[in-house]
């Protein structure tokens, strides 16, 4: 029964984990984001109250 032979599947498992752990993380972390988050100001913006025509 060839599916019980662990030799090719174990090598595939090891190589795929090497790719996931050693090759992909530096490539993913090298991406730059176009918009850096800016800090919010401490003061609240002034909001005007609405004048409702039916009151």
Protein backbone atom coordinates (compact mmCIF):
# COMPACT_ATOMS: atom_id res chain seq x y z
CA UNK A 1 0.00 0.00 0.00
CA UNK A 2 1.90 3.09 -1.19
CA UNK A 3 -0.02 5.57 0.96
CA UNK A 4 1.62 4.11 4.06
CA UNK A 5 5.12 4.91 2.83
CA UNK A 6 6.10 8.04 4.84
CA UNK A 7 9.22 8.92 2.87
CA UNK A 8 7.84 11.28 0.17
CA UNK A 9 5.13 12.80 2.39
CA UNK A 10 7.48 13.53 5.25
CA UNK A 11 9.85 15.36 2.90
CA UNK A 12 6.95 17.37 1.47
CA UNK A 13 5.83 18.26 5.00
CA UNK A 14 9.31 19.39 6.05
CA UNK A 15 9.91 21.46 2.90
CA UNK A 16 6.51 23.12 3.07
CA UNK A 17 7.11 24.11 6.72
CA UNK A 18 10.54 25.45 5.79
CA UNK A 19 8.90 27.61 3.14
CA UNK A 20 6.25 28.85 5.58
CA UNK A 21 8.70 29.57 8.40
CA UNK A 22 11.84 30.80 6.62
CA UNK A 23 10.96 32.22 3.22
CA UNK A 24 7.49 33.77 3.48
CA UNK A 25 7.72 35.90 6.69
CA UNK A 26 10.49 38.24 5.42
CA UNK A 27 8.61 38.70 2.14
CA UNK A 28 5.37 39.52 3.96
CA UNK A 29 7.04 41.87 6.44
CA UNK A 30 8.79 43.75 3.61
CA UNK A 31 5.48 45.20 2.37
CA UNK A 32 5.01 48.88 3.05
CA UNK A 33 1.68 50.43 3.85
CA UNK A 34 0.75 53.58 1.91
CA UNK A 35 -1.00 55.32 4.79
CA UNK A 36 0.67 55.60 8.15
CA UNK A 37 -1.79 56.05 11.01
CA UNK A 38 -1.82 59.53 12.49
CA UNK A 39 -2.44 60.24 16.13
CA UNK A 40 -5.72 61.88 17.07
CA UNK A 41 -5.61 65.32 18.58
CA UNK A 42 -6.57 65.63 22.23
CA UNK A 43 -9.09 68.44 21.72
CA UNK A 44 -12.54 67.63 20.40
CA UNK A 45 -13.71 69.36 17.24
CA UNK A 46 -16.42 71.97 17.74
CA UNK A 47 -19.77 70.76 16.47
CA UNK A 48 -22.62 73.13 15.69
CA UNK A 49 -26.14 72.22 16.74
CA UNK A 50 -28.72 71.79 14.02
CA UNK A 51 -31.64 74.15 13.68
CA UNK A 52 -34.64 72.00 12.94
CA UNK A 53 -37.35 73.82 10.96
CA UNK A 54 -40.27 72.04 12.71
CA UNK A 55 -39.37 73.15 16.27
